[in-house]
Amino acid sequence: MSLIRVENLSLDIHGTPILRDVSFDIAPGRVFGLVGESGSGKSMTSLALMKLLPDGATRAGRALMDGRDLFALDEGAMCGLRGNDIGMIFQEPMTALNPVRTIGDQVAETLVIHGAARRAEALEIARAKLDRVGLDGTRFPLDRYPHELSGGQRQRVCIAMAIALRPRLLIADEPTTALDVTTQAQILDLLRGLVAEEGMSLLLITHDLAVVAGLADHVAVMQSGKIVEQGPTEALFRRRAHPYTRALFAASAHRPARVPTARPDRLLEVAGLRRSYALPRRTLFGPAPRMEAVRGVSFALHKGESLGLVGESGCGKSTLTRAILGLEAVQAGHIRLQGQTPISPIMPKPARAAMQVVFQDPYGSFNPRWRVARLVAEPFHLLPEWPKDARARVEQALSEVGLTPADADKYIHEFSGGQRQRIAIARALINRPDLSVLDEAVSALDVRVRAQILDLLARLQESHGLGYLFISHDLHVVRAITDRVMVMQAGEIVEEGATEDVFANPRHPYTRQLIAATPVIPAAWMKEPVDAPVV
């Protein structure tokens, strides 16, 4: 018995084929994993089920739910079905949330629109749903806005919105992409609990094979708009019958060949850094309490060195990053680049040119009105004069990150989440800066593209002596690309050392907790493929 059955789904957008003959079943109360590289059609499959396709889309095939073909329903019927029967967690929580409405209003909105509750009752239910996803009322009142939350906390709000009406099918499009390992483990446990307690089905779209291994009952592998292999999770992981499936697994374990390039000279120096924020007053005349986001952080990054920074959501990584980039003033301590130049919000252009960043949210870091050529060329304004070969350098940068020169003439909304992240990396590296701050730079990439980007970063570091501050929740990536690693908790560096030493012999309990929370594919599943029934 199937909750939803997709039969021969095909999709073209302005004549370009996107999906071809996609068929699968999702059983009630089960988790169905859909994996594949960026641009393979995973997200478009989910958007087709929700009938949220862009203009110019032509669709064929059927999607049956309770015997009704969803594709045959009009928009009014679909509006009644979305939220009630099918809920969706979108890939980028910041763009999925309304920045000018509180989180309480946004969770309650679903209930009010569908007539399930009046506003007062809807807010009470919203409070209960936010508590259910781990955002308790003492720390996260309903009047908080999305910008006041970390990436992981915003993702929890999106989950609360999606489950507000207890839908029978929950579609989760990369729900843990930008989350640290402890938050990711909590979100996965939450989704697993929702499936068990609510009896709902889950369509899990992800590029993380370890997440699929630990959560999905059934998995399908998608390539170029087609499902090339599907079956029970363990059987498919053991067999890996299709060459593309084998390539995905090989890429998931890839470690770039790195040549040590670190030199004694200090590229970045941080000493005694402190940053706190005022919180809302609890009483009319009482003092405003303060939250210390960064507490006396000190470290040095040497030229040609890769330094990793890991820690859970809300630990202060982003605040520290903004201070290092000169985007935010600090209350104590100092930051120096190249041993001399103090970093601050008013630092000169040459210093800015020597330091670039890949932000965590690729879509939010771009101007949607500009074409990719202008977006990637944006750092050129920091140079003394605009390069005469700017277009050629843009096309070369796009090619280096796995895109094509023709992509320079497109707009950012025309790309998938992983492709946007590649464009962000191309923009950050186009000037060959001395220091690159990579804030979750590969979190939105599938395993094959991630392997290519890590190889690219290793090559650029070897050839140009770049220094990397690599901020990531993916401990596998940090272990593969960094020389040293720092572990941050509650605004403090609690452990620091050579990467292999920290991972092999973690001293601090928090470090051990992070490593234990990292999802892994069972070793027995990764042996040489064996014959197993795959349906």
Protein backbone atom coordinates (compact mmCIF):
# COMPACT_ATOMS: atom_id res chain seq x y z
CA MET A 1 0.00 0.00 0.00
CA SER A 2 1.30 3.45 -0.93
CA LEU A 3 0.55 6.84 0.54
CA ILE A 4 1.73 8.47 -2.66
CA ARG A 5 2.70 6.92 -5.98
CA VAL A 6 4.58 8.79 -8.67
CA GLU A 7 4.25 7.33 -12.16
CA ASN A 8 6.42 8.37 -15.12
CA LEU A 9 6.89 11.97 -14.01
CA SER A 10 8.55 14.02 -16.74
CA LEU A 11 9.24 17.75 -16.67
CA ASP A 12 10.50 20.32 -19.16
CA ILE A 13 11.14 24.00 -18.43
CA HIS A 14 11.09 26.19 -21.54
CA GLY A 15 11.85 23.09 -23.59
CA THR A 16 14.81 21.98 -21.46
CA PRO A 17 14.35 18.44 -20.10
CA ILE A 18 14.57 18.36 -16.28
CA LEU A 19 12.95 15.05 -15.26
CA ARG A 20 12.38 11.89 -17.28
CA ASP A 21 10.08 8.99 -16.34
CA VAL A 22 10.54 9.31 -12.57
CA SER A 23 8.55 6.64 -10.70
CA PHE A 24 8.53 5.68 -7.02
CA ASP A 25 6.19 4.78 -4.14
CA ILE A 26 6.21 6.14 -0.58
CA ALA A 27 4.58 3.84 1.97
CA PRO A 28 2.65 5.18 4.99
CA GLY A 29 4.82 5.78 8.03
CA ARG A 30 8.05 5.18 6.12
CA VAL A 31 11.09 7.29 5.17
CA PHE A 32 11.97 7.49 1.48
CA GLY A 33 15.41 8.93 0.67
CA LEU A 34 16.16 10.68 -2.63
CA VAL A 35 19.86 11.25 -3.28
CA GLY A 36 21.90 12.58 -6.17
CA GLU A 37 24.19 15.38 -7.18
CA SER A 38 23.23 19.03 -7.37
CA GLY A 39 21.05 19.73 -10.40
CA SER A 40 19.96 16.09 -10.76
CA GLY A 41 16.29 17.01 -10.28
CA LYS A 42 15.70 16.10 -6.62
CA SER A 43 14.20 19.45 -5.61
CA MET A 44 12.22 19.72 -8.85
CA THR A 45 10.65 16.36 -8.08
CA SER A 46 9.40 17.65 -4.73
CA LEU A 47 8.21 20.95 -6.23
CA ALA A 48 6.31 18.99 -8.90
CA LEU A 49 4.49 17.05 -6.16
CA MET A 50 3.52 20.34 -4.52
CA LYS A 51 2.62 21.93 -7.90
CA LEU A 52 5.01 24.80 -7.21
CA LEU A 53 6.78 24.73 -10.57
CA PRO A 54 8.14 27.87 -12.27
CA ASP A 55 6.59 29.51 -15.31
CA GLY A 56 7.31 27.69 -18.54
CA ALA A 57 7.17 24.24 -16.94
CA THR A 58 5.52 21.39 -18.85
CA ARG A 59 4.74 18.27 -16.83
CA ALA A 60 3.64 14.73 -17.72
CA GLY A 61 2.87 11.64 -15.66
CA ARG A 62 0.81 11.14 -12.51
CA ALA A 63 1.18 11.52 -8.74
CA LEU A 64 -1.54 9.57 -6.94
CA MET A 65 -2.55 10.23 -3.33
CA ASP A 66 -5.65 8.45 -2.03
CA GLY A 67 -6.44 7.59 -5.63
CA ARG A 68 -6.49 11.27 -6.65
CA ASP A 69 -4.04 12.54 -9.24
CA LEU A 70 -2.43 15.61 -7.67
CA PHE A 71 -1.49 16.93 -11.09
CA ALA A 72 -5.15 17.03 -12.12
CA LEU A 73 -6.19 19.23 -9.16
CA ASP A 74 -6.76 22.95 -9.63
CA GLU A 75 -4.93 25.56 -7.56
CA GLY A 76 -7.77 25.90 -5.06
CA ALA A 77 -7.73 22.19 -4.30
CA MET A 78 -3.93 22.21 -4.01
CA CYS A 79 -4.05 25.13 -1.56
CA GLY A 80 -6.30 23.03 0.63
CA LEU A 81 -3.94 20.07 0.36
CA ARG A 82 -0.65 21.90 0.98
CA GLY A 83 -0.01 22.04 4.70
CA ASN A 84 -2.97 19.81 5.51
CA ASP A 85 -1.83 16.64 3.74
CA ILE A 86 1.63 17.54 2.44
CA GLY A 87 4.07 19.73 4.35
CA MET A 88 7.44 20.88 3.06
CA ILE A 89 10.71 21.97 4.66
CA PHE A 90 12.61 24.02 2.12
CA GLN A 91 16.37 23.90 1.57
CA GLU A 92 17.22 27.45 2.65
CA PRO A 93 15.42 28.43 5.87
CA MET A 94 16.30 32.13 5.73
CA THR A 95 14.67 32.54 2.31
CA ALA A 96 11.72 30.33 3.30
CA LEU A 97 10.85 32.57 6.27
CA ASN A 98 9.34 36.06 6.10
CA PRO A 99 11.97 38.44 7.58
CA VAL A 100 9.40 41.00 8.78
CA ARG A 101 7.11 38.60 10.64
CA THR A 102 7.76 36.91 13.98
CA ILE A 103 8.32 33.18 14.18
CA GLY A 104 5.12 32.77 16.20
CA ASP A 105 3.04 34.48 13.52
CA GLN A 106 4.60 32.38 10.78
CA VAL A 107 3.94 29.06 12.48
CA ALA A 108 0.40 30.14 13.40
CA GLU A 109 -0.30 31.40 9.87
CA THR A 110 -0.74 27.88 8.50
CA LEU A 111 -3.40 27.09 11.08
CA VAL A 112 -5.29 30.35 10.54
CA ILE A 113 -5.23 30.16 6.73
CA HIS A 114 -6.59 26.60 6.74
CA GLY A 115 -9.26 27.50 9.30
CA ALA A 116 -7.92 25.03 11.84
CA ALA A 117 -7.83 27.60 14.65
CA ARG A 118 -8.42 31.25 15.46
CA ARG A 119 -5.41 33.47 15.99
CA ALA A 120 -5.20 33.12 19.80
CA GLU A 121 -5.52 29.35 19.68
CA ALA A 122 -3.15 29.18 16.70
CA LEU A 123 -0.47 31.00 18.69
CA GLU A 124 -0.87 28.50 21.52
CA ILE A 125 -0.44 25.64 19.06
CA ALA A 126 2.55 27.46 17.52
CA ARG A 127 4.13 27.63 20.97
CA ALA A 128 3.61 23.89 21.42
CA LYS A 129 5.07 23.09 17.98
CA LEU A 130 8.15 25.29 18.59
CA ASP A 131 8.64 23.55 21.93
CA ARG A 132 8.33 20.22 20.10
CA VAL A 133 11.22 21.10 17.76
CA GLY A 134 13.45 22.23 20.62
CA LEU A 135 12.84 26.01 20.69
CA ASP A 136 11.57 26.42 24.25
CA GLY A 137 9.62 29.51 25.24
CA THR A 138 12.11 30.79 27.81
CA ARG A 139 14.84 31.34 25.21
CA PHE A 140 12.76 31.64 22.04
CA PRO A 141 9.56 33.64 22.61
CA LEU A 142 7.03 33.90 19.80
CA ASP A 143 8.03 37.52 19.09
CA ARG A 144 11.51 36.59 17.84
CA TYR A 145 12.34 37.38 14.20
CA PRO A 146 14.22 35.00 11.85
CA HIS A 147 17.35 37.18 11.78
CA GLU A 148 17.67 36.76 15.55
CA LEU A 149 18.13 32.99 15.19
CA SER A 150 21.02 30.85 14.00
CA GLY A 151 20.77 28.68 10.87
CA GLY A 152 19.87 25.58 12.86
CA GLN A 153 17.25 27.43 14.88
CA ARG A 154 15.65 28.82 11.70
CA GLN A 155 15.50 25.30 10.31
CA ARG A 156 13.60 24.21 13.40
CA VAL A 157 11.07 27.01 12.81
CA CYS A 158 10.57 25.73 9.26
CA ILE A 159 9.95 22.23 10.62
CA ALA A 160 7.42 23.60 13.14
CA MET A 161 5.60 25.35 10.28
CA ALA A 162 5.57 22.19 8.18
CA ILE A 163 4.15 19.96 10.96
CA ALA A 164 1.66 22.48 12.37
CA LEU A 165 -1.30 20.69 10.75
CA ARG A 166 0.14 17.19 11.15
CA PRO A 167 0.42 16.40 7.41
CA ARG A 168 0.52 12.80 6.25
CA LEU A 169 3.52 13.41 3.99
CA LEU A 170 6.43 15.61 5.01
CA ILE A 171 8.90 16.61 2.29
CA ALA A 172 12.29 17.61 3.71
CA ASP A 173 14.57 19.19 1.10
CA GLU A 174 18.11 19.10 2.54
CA PRO A 175 16.83 19.73 6.11
CA THR A 176 20.27 19.38 7.73
CA THR A 177 22.50 20.86 5.03
CA ALA A 178 23.90 23.82 7.01
CA LEU A 179 23.59 22.38 10.50
CA ASP A 180 26.37 21.35 12.86
CA VAL A 181 26.60 17.67 13.76
CA THR A 182 24.90 17.90 17.16
CA THR A 183 22.02 19.98 15.78
CA GLN A 184 21.84 17.69 12.76
CA ALA A 185 21.56 14.68 15.04
CA GLN A 186 18.78 16.42 16.99
CA ILE A 187 16.90 17.35 13.79
CA LEU A 188 17.21 13.80 12.44
CA ASP A 189 15.99 12.38 15.75
CA LEU A 190 13.13 14.88 15.62
CA LEU A 191 12.15 13.81 12.09
CA ARG A 192 12.45 10.15 13.06
CA GLY A 193 10.26 10.79 16.10
CA LEU A 194 7.66 12.64 14.04
CA VAL A 195 7.41 9.74 11.61
CA ALA A 196 6.98 7.28 14.50
CA GLU A 197 4.63 9.35 16.68
CA GLU A 198 2.53 11.10 14.03
CA GLY A 199 2.47 8.18 11.60
CA MET A 200 3.49 10.49 8.76
CA SER A 201 5.63 9.56 5.77
CA LEU A 202 8.85 11.40 5.01
CA LEU A 203 10.42 12.19 1.65
CA LEU A 204 14.01 13.01 2.58
CA ILE A 205 16.00 14.80 -0.12
CA THR A 206 19.70 14.97 0.66
CA HIS A 207 23.20 14.56 -0.72
CA ASP A 208 24.50 13.12 2.55
CA LEU A 209 24.70 9.35 2.18
CA ALA A 210 25.41 8.86 5.90
CA VAL A 211 22.15 10.66 6.80
CA VAL A 212 20.22 8.44 4.41
CA ALA A 213 21.87 5.33 5.85
CA GLY A 214 20.72 6.21 9.35
CA LEU A 215 17.19 7.37 8.58
CA ALA A 216 15.71 6.06 5.32
CA ASP A 217 13.89 2.76 4.85
CA HIS A 218 13.99 2.99 1.05
CA VAL A 219 16.29 5.04 -1.16
CA ALA A 220 16.41 6.15 -4.79
CA VAL A 221 19.47 7.49 -6.61
CA MET A 222 18.82 10.25 -9.15
CA GLN A 223 21.09 11.32 -12.00
CA SER A 224 20.32 13.87 -14.72
CA GLY A 225 16.60 13.79 -14.02
CA LYS A 226 16.27 10.01 -13.92
CA ILE A 227 16.17 7.46 -11.11
CA VAL A 228 19.01 5.09 -11.97
CA GLU A 229 18.68 2.78 -8.96
CA GLN A 230 16.33 2.31 -6.02
CA GLY A 231 15.59 -0.21 -3.32
CA PRO A 232 15.72 -0.92 0.43
CA THR A 233 18.47 1.20 1.93
CA GLU A 234 20.81 -1.51 3.21
CA ALA A 235 20.44 -3.62 0.08
CA LEU A 236 21.18 -0.69 -2.22
CA PHE A 237 24.15 0.47 -0.14
CA ARG A 238 25.64 -3.03 -0.18
CA ARG A 239 25.03 -3.71 -3.85
CA ARG A 240 25.61 -0.33 -5.58
CA ALA A 241 24.65 -1.80 -8.94
CA HIS A 242 24.77 1.38 -11.04
CA PRO A 243 28.11 3.04 -11.92
CA TYR A 244 26.77 6.41 -10.77
CA THR A 245 25.87 4.99 -7.35
CA ARG A 246 29.39 3.60 -7.02
CA ALA A 247 30.81 7.00 -8.01
CA LEU A 248 28.75 8.71 -5.27
CA PHE A 249 30.06 6.33 -2.64
CA ALA A 250 33.65 6.76 -3.80
CA ALA A 251 33.28 10.55 -3.63
CA SER A 252 31.80 10.40 -0.12
CA ALA A 253 35.07 8.95 1.18
CA HIS A 254 37.31 11.20 -0.90
CA ARG A 255 40.20 13.06 0.71
CA PRO A 256 42.19 15.53 -1.42
CA ALA A 257 45.90 14.99 -1.91
CA ARG A 258 47.32 17.90 0.06
CA VAL A 259 50.88 19.15 0.15
CA PRO A 260 51.70 21.04 3.38
CA THR A 261 52.16 24.73 2.52
CA ALA A 262 52.00 26.36 5.97
CA ARG A 263 54.80 28.87 6.67
CA PRO A 264 55.90 30.44 9.96
CA ASP A 265 54.65 33.93 9.02
CA ARG A 266 51.37 34.89 10.65
CA LEU A 267 48.62 35.77 8.19
CA LEU A 268 45.84 36.39 10.72
CA GLU A 269 46.20 37.13 14.41
CA VAL A 270 43.29 37.25 16.84
CA ALA A 271 43.94 38.17 20.48
CA GLY A 272 41.54 38.41 23.42
CA LEU A 273 38.48 38.95 21.24
CA ARG A 274 35.19 39.71 22.99
CA ARG A 275 31.77 40.52 21.54
CA SER A 276 28.45 40.75 23.39
CA TYR A 277 24.92 41.80 22.48
CA ALA A 278 22.19 43.51 24.45
CA LEU A 279 19.10 41.38 24.99
CA PRO A 280 15.55 42.69 25.44
CA ARG A 281 14.85 44.18 28.88
CA ARG A 282 12.93 41.94 31.22
CA THR A 283 11.49 44.92 33.15
CA LEU A 284 10.70 48.49 32.13
CA PHE A 285 13.44 50.16 34.17
CA GLY A 286 15.81 47.27 34.73
CA PRO A 287 19.16 46.95 32.93
CA ALA A 288 19.27 45.21 29.61
CA PRO A 289 20.93 41.80 30.01
CA ARG A 290 23.80 40.96 27.68
CA MET A 291 24.73 37.80 25.83
CA GLU A 292 28.44 37.16 25.36
CA ALA A 293 28.80 35.59 21.92
CA VAL A 294 32.62 35.56 21.87
CA ARG A 295 34.60 35.31 25.10
CA GLY A 296 38.30 36.05 24.94
CA VAL A 297 39.13 34.11 21.76
CA SER A 298 42.80 34.08 20.68
CA PHE A 299 44.49 32.20 17.84
CA ALA A 300 46.84 32.66 14.88
CA LEU A 301 46.52 31.49 11.27
CA HIS A 302 49.77 31.14 9.35
CA LYS A 303 50.34 31.77 5.65
CA GLY A 304 49.44 28.78 3.53
CA GLU A 305 47.70 27.06 6.44
CA SER A 306 44.19 25.61 6.66
CA LEU A 307 42.59 26.17 10.04
CA GLY A 308 39.25 24.54 10.85
CA LEU A 309 36.64 25.97 13.21
CA VAL A 310 33.85 23.66 14.40
CA GLY A 311 31.09 23.96 16.96
CA GLU A 312 27.36 23.68 17.32
CA SER A 313 24.83 26.22 16.10
CA GLY A 314 24.85 29.36 18.25
CA CYS A 315 28.33 28.77 19.71
CA GLY A 316 29.67 32.06 18.32
CA LYS A 317 31.28 30.91 15.04
CA SER A 318 29.33 33.38 12.90
CA THR A 319 29.96 36.31 15.26
CA LEU A 320 33.67 35.52 15.25
CA THR A 321 33.62 35.26 11.46
CA ARG A 322 31.92 38.65 11.03
CA ALA A 323 34.50 40.25 13.33
CA ILE A 324 37.39 38.70 11.37
CA LEU A 325 35.87 40.01 8.12
CA GLY A 326 35.61 43.51 9.57
CA LEU A 327 31.83 43.47 9.30
CA GLU A 328 31.28 43.96 13.02
CA ALA A 329 33.08 45.94 15.72
CA VAL A 330 34.38 44.17 18.82
CA GLN A 331 34.39 45.41 22.40
CA ALA A 332 37.79 44.02 23.40
CA GLY A 333 40.84 42.47 21.80
CA HIS A 334 42.26 43.00 18.33
CA ILE A 335 42.47 41.31 14.91
CA ARG A 336 45.39 41.87 12.54
CA LEU A 337 45.96 40.80 8.95
CA GLN A 338 49.49 40.22 7.65
CA GLY A 339 50.76 41.10 11.13
CA GLN A 340 50.08 44.82 10.69
CA THR A 341 46.73 45.83 9.23
CA PRO A 342 44.05 46.09 11.94
CA ILE A 343 40.74 44.67 10.79
CA SER A 344 37.69 46.82 11.44
CA PRO A 345 34.50 47.95 9.68
CA ILE A 346 36.45 50.88 8.15
CA MET A 347 39.48 48.94 6.86
CA PRO A 348 40.93 50.11 3.50
CA LYS A 349 40.20 48.46 0.14
CA PRO A 350 43.61 46.77 -0.32
CA ALA A 351 43.14 44.93 2.97
CA ARG A 352 39.64 43.89 1.93
CA ALA A 353 41.00 42.61 -1.40
CA ALA A 354 43.41 40.34 0.50
CA MET A 355 40.51 38.65 2.30
CA GLN A 356 37.38 37.10 0.79
CA VAL A 357 34.51 35.01 2.13
CA VAL A 358 32.06 32.33 1.10
CA PHE A 359 28.92 32.91 3.15
CA GLN A 360 26.76 30.14 4.60
CA ASP A 361 23.60 31.17 2.73
CA PRO A 362 24.57 31.34 -0.97
CA TYR A 363 21.27 32.77 -2.23
CA GLY A 364 21.13 35.52 0.39
CA SER A 365 24.67 36.66 -0.43
CA PHE A 366 23.85 37.54 -4.05
CA ASN A 367 21.96 40.41 -5.67
CA PRO A 368 19.13 38.62 -7.52
CA ARG A 369 18.94 41.42 -10.14
CA TRP A 370 22.49 40.84 -11.38
CA ARG A 371 23.69 38.22 -13.79
CA VAL A 372 26.31 35.74 -12.64
CA ALA A 373 29.08 37.49 -14.60
CA ARG A 374 28.60 40.65 -12.56
CA LEU A 375 28.19 38.73 -9.30
CA VAL A 376 31.44 36.81 -9.70
CA ALA A 377 33.30 39.94 -10.85
CA GLU A 378 32.15 41.96 -7.83
CA PRO A 379 35.49 41.68 -5.91
CA PHE A 380 37.27 43.45 -8.79
CA HIS A 381 36.08 46.79 -7.39
CA LEU A 382 38.62 46.35 -4.60
CA LEU A 383 41.51 46.39 -7.09
CA PRO A 384 43.27 49.61 -8.20
CA GLU A 385 41.70 49.24 -11.65
CA TRP A 386 39.17 46.96 -13.30
CA PRO A 387 40.92 44.06 -15.13
CA LYS A 388 40.77 44.22 -18.91
CA ASP A 389 40.25 40.45 -19.06
CA ALA A 390 37.50 40.46 -16.45
CA ARG A 391 35.08 38.37 -18.53
CA ALA A 392 37.71 35.74 -19.28
CA ARG A 393 38.64 35.51 -15.60
CA VAL A 394 34.98 35.11 -14.63
CA GLU A 395 34.53 32.28 -17.14
CA GLN A 396 37.72 30.61 -15.91
CA ALA A 397 36.55 30.85 -12.29
CA LEU A 398 33.20 29.29 -13.19
CA SER A 399 34.94 26.45 -15.04
CA GLU A 400 37.20 25.81 -12.05
CA VAL A 401 34.19 25.18 -9.78
CA GLY A 402 32.45 22.83 -12.21
CA LEU A 403 30.14 25.24 -14.06
CA THR A 404 30.25 26.41 -17.68
CA PRO A 405 31.19 29.81 -19.20
CA ALA A 406 27.61 30.09 -20.50
CA ASP A 407 26.36 30.21 -16.89
CA ALA A 408 27.83 33.72 -16.63
CA ASP A 409 24.79 35.10 -18.49
CA LYS A 410 22.18 33.54 -16.19
CA TYR A 411 20.53 34.85 -13.03
CA ILE A 412 21.12 33.30 -9.65
CA HIS A 413 17.54 32.01 -9.29
CA GLU A 414 18.15 29.73 -12.28
CA PHE A 415 20.54 27.53 -10.28
CA SER A 416 20.14 24.84 -7.64
CA GLY A 417 21.39 25.37 -4.09
CA GLY A 418 24.62 23.49 -4.75
CA GLN A 419 25.29 25.40 -7.96
CA ARG A 420 24.80 28.71 -6.12
CA GLN A 421 27.42 27.62 -3.62
CA ARG A 422 29.85 26.94 -6.45
CA ILE A 423 29.24 30.46 -7.77
CA ALA A 424 29.92 31.86 -4.29
CA ILE A 425 33.25 29.99 -4.19
CA ALA A 426 34.16 31.29 -7.67
CA ARG A 427 33.49 34.86 -6.51
CA ALA A 428 35.58 34.42 -3.37
CA LEU A 429 38.60 33.02 -5.19
CA ILE A 430 38.60 35.15 -8.34
CA ASN A 431 41.08 37.68 -6.88
CA ARG A 432 43.33 34.95 -5.44
CA PRO A 433 43.18 36.52 -1.95
CA ASP A 434 45.73 35.75 0.77
CA LEU A 435 42.99 34.69 3.19
CA SER A 436 39.74 32.95 2.34
CA VAL A 437 37.10 32.56 5.03
CA LEU A 438 34.94 29.60 4.05
CA ASP A 439 31.75 29.56 6.13
CA GLU A 440 30.09 26.22 5.36
CA ALA A 441 31.50 26.50 1.84
CA VAL A 442 30.71 22.91 0.82
CA SER A 443 27.69 22.22 3.05
CA ALA A 444 25.19 22.57 0.19
CA LEU A 445 27.19 20.50 -2.29
CA ASP A 446 26.65 16.90 -3.22
CA VAL A 447 29.47 14.47 -2.54
CA ARG A 448 30.91 14.45 -6.08
CA VAL A 449 31.00 18.23 -6.42
CA ARG A 450 32.28 18.52 -2.85
CA ALA A 451 35.20 16.25 -3.75
CA GLN A 452 35.95 18.43 -6.78
CA ILE A 453 35.79 21.64 -4.72
CA LEU A 454 38.06 20.21 -2.01
CA ASP A 455 40.56 19.20 -4.69
CA LEU A 456 40.30 22.71 -6.15
CA LEU A 457 40.89 24.34 -2.77
CA ALA A 458 43.91 22.09 -2.18
CA ARG A 459 45.36 22.95 -5.61
CA LEU A 460 44.84 26.68 -5.15
CA GLN A 461 46.45 26.57 -1.73
CA GLU A 462 49.45 24.71 -3.10
CA SER A 463 49.89 27.01 -6.12
CA HIS A 464 49.07 30.37 -4.48
CA GLY A 465 49.89 29.79 -0.82
CA LEU A 466 46.37 30.75 0.29
CA GLY A 467 45.37 30.64 3.93
CA TYR A 468 41.97 29.15 4.74
CA LEU A 469 39.78 29.62 7.77
CA PHE A 470 37.44 26.70 7.21
CA ILE A 471 34.21 26.89 9.22
CA SER A 472 32.13 23.77 8.87
CA HIS A 473 29.82 21.41 10.70
CA ASP A 474 30.99 18.51 8.53
CA LEU A 475 33.77 16.90 10.54
CA HIS A 476 34.70 14.61 7.64
CA VAL A 477 35.43 17.67 5.49
CA VAL A 478 37.34 19.44 8.26
CA ARG A 479 39.48 16.37 8.75
CA ALA A 480 40.20 16.13 5.03
CA ILE A 481 41.11 19.76 4.30
CA THR A 482 42.65 21.34 7.42
CA ASP A 483 46.05 21.28 9.15
CA ARG A 484 44.76 22.42 12.54
CA VAL A 485 41.31 22.58 14.08
CA MET A 486 39.67 24.62 16.82
CA VAL A 487 36.55 23.50 18.69
CA MET A 488 34.26 26.30 19.87
CA GLN A 489 31.61 26.06 22.58
CA ALA A 490 29.60 28.89 24.16
CA GLY A 491 31.88 31.57 22.73
CA GLU A 492 35.17 29.95 23.81
CA ILE A 493 37.79 27.77 22.13
CA VAL A 494 37.73 24.63 24.27
CA GLU A 495 40.20 22.56 22.26
CA GLU A 496 42.81 23.28 19.61
CA GLY A 497 45.50 21.25 17.92
CA ALA A 498 46.68 19.35 14.85
CA THR A 499 43.62 18.00 13.05
CA GLU A 500 44.54 14.32 13.21
CA ASP A 501 45.49 14.58 16.88
CA VAL A 502 42.18 16.20 17.84
CA PHE A 503 40.10 13.67 15.90
CA ALA A 504 42.09 10.62 17.00
CA ASN A 505 42.46 11.64 20.66
CA PRO A 506 39.84 14.26 21.60
CA ARG A 507 40.54 15.59 25.10
CA HIS A 508 37.51 17.78 25.80
CA PRO A 509 34.11 16.13 26.46
CA TYR A 510 32.44 18.49 23.98
CA THR A 511 34.82 17.43 21.20
CA ARG A 512 34.05 13.79 21.94
CA GLN A 513 30.34 14.64 21.79
CA LEU A 514 30.72 16.24 18.35
CA ILE A 515 32.61 13.27 16.95
CA ALA A 516 30.08 10.81 18.40
CA ALA A 517 27.18 12.75 16.82
CA THR A 518 28.64 12.56 13.30
CA PRO A 519 26.52 10.27 11.08
CA VAL A 520 28.44 7.43 9.45
CA ILE A 521 27.62 4.69 6.98
CA PRO A 522 27.97 1.27 8.67
CA ALA A 523 31.35 -0.18 7.73
CA ALA A 524 29.75 -3.49 6.71
CA TRP A 525 27.68 -1.67 4.07
CA MET A 526 30.79 -0.16 2.46
CA LYS A 527 32.48 -3.45 1.58
CA GLU A 528 32.80 -4.60 -2.00
CA PRO A 529 29.34 -4.77 -3.64
CA VAL A 530 27.56 -8.08 -3.28
CA ASP A 531 24.50 -9.49 -4.94
CA ALA A 532 21.40 -8.38 -3.06
CA PRO A 533 17.77 -7.95 -4.10
CA VAL A 534 17.16 -4.39 -5.26
CA VAL A 535 13.69 -3.46 -6.45
